[in-house]
Protein backbone atom coordinates (compact mmCIF):
# COMPACT_ATOMS: atom_id res chain seq x y z
CA UNK A 1 -3.80 12.39 -29.53
CA UNK A 2 -1.34 11.38 -26.92
CA UNK A 3 -1.43 12.94 -23.45
CA UNK A 4 1.89 14.08 -22.07
CA UNK A 5 2.62 13.38 -18.37
CA UNK A 6 4.38 16.23 -16.54
CA UNK A 7 5.98 16.37 -13.26
CA UNK A 8 3.07 18.35 -11.97
CA UNK A 9 0.69 15.40 -12.51
CA UNK A 10 3.27 12.56 -11.83
CA UNK A 11 4.37 13.72 -8.41
CA UNK A 12 0.91 13.90 -6.79
CA UNK A 13 -0.23 10.68 -8.38
CA UNK A 14 2.99 8.88 -7.05
CA UNK A 15 2.53 10.29 -3.61
CA UNK A 16 -1.03 9.13 -3.60
CA UNK A 17 -0.18 5.64 -4.64
CA UNK A 18 2.62 5.26 -2.03
CA UNK A 19 0.46 6.68 0.66
CA UNK A 20 -2.24 4.02 -0.10
CA UNK A 21 0.41 1.21 -0.04
CA UNK A 22 1.82 2.40 3.19
CA UNK A 23 -1.68 2.60 4.79
CA UNK A 24 -2.48 -0.79 3.51
CA UNK A 25 0.78 -2.36 4.80
CA UNK A 26 0.31 -0.82 8.25
CA UNK A 27 -3.36 -2.10 8.37
CA UNK A 28 -2.20 -5.62 7.34
CA UNK A 29 0.36 -5.63 10.11
CA UNK A 30 -2.11 -4.43 12.67
CA UNK A 31 -4.79 -6.86 11.60
CA UNK A 32 -2.27 -9.68 11.48
CA UNK A 33 -0.54 -9.14 14.82
CA UNK A 34 -3.57 -8.11 16.97
CA UNK A 35 -5.10 -11.61 17.13
CA UNK A 36 -1.56 -13.21 17.01
CA UNK A 37 -1.67 -14.69 13.61
CA UNK A 38 1.25 -16.63 12.36
CA UNK A 39 4.08 -14.64 10.55
CA UNK A 40 3.20 -16.06 7.18
CA UNK A 41 -0.47 -15.13 7.62
CA UNK A 42 0.52 -11.58 8.70
CA UNK A 43 2.85 -11.15 5.75
CA UNK A 44 0.03 -12.40 3.35
CA UNK A 45 -2.44 -9.79 4.81
CA UNK A 46 0.21 -7.14 4.51
CA UNK A 47 0.91 -7.92 0.94
CA UNK A 48 -2.83 -8.09 0.08
CA UNK A 49 -3.72 -4.76 1.65
CA UNK A 50 -0.60 -3.00 0.39
CA UNK A 51 -0.87 -4.13 -3.13
């Protein structure tokens, strides 16, 4: 039996996902820029934490 997704379940799940990605990206930027890492390393951290 297939489960139908509704707006009531999709909207909070999407918000949860986007919030997690945003927190990960901010955390990656903070961790990368605080010790003065190179831009490429900071981008890599941001990508890893945001994914």
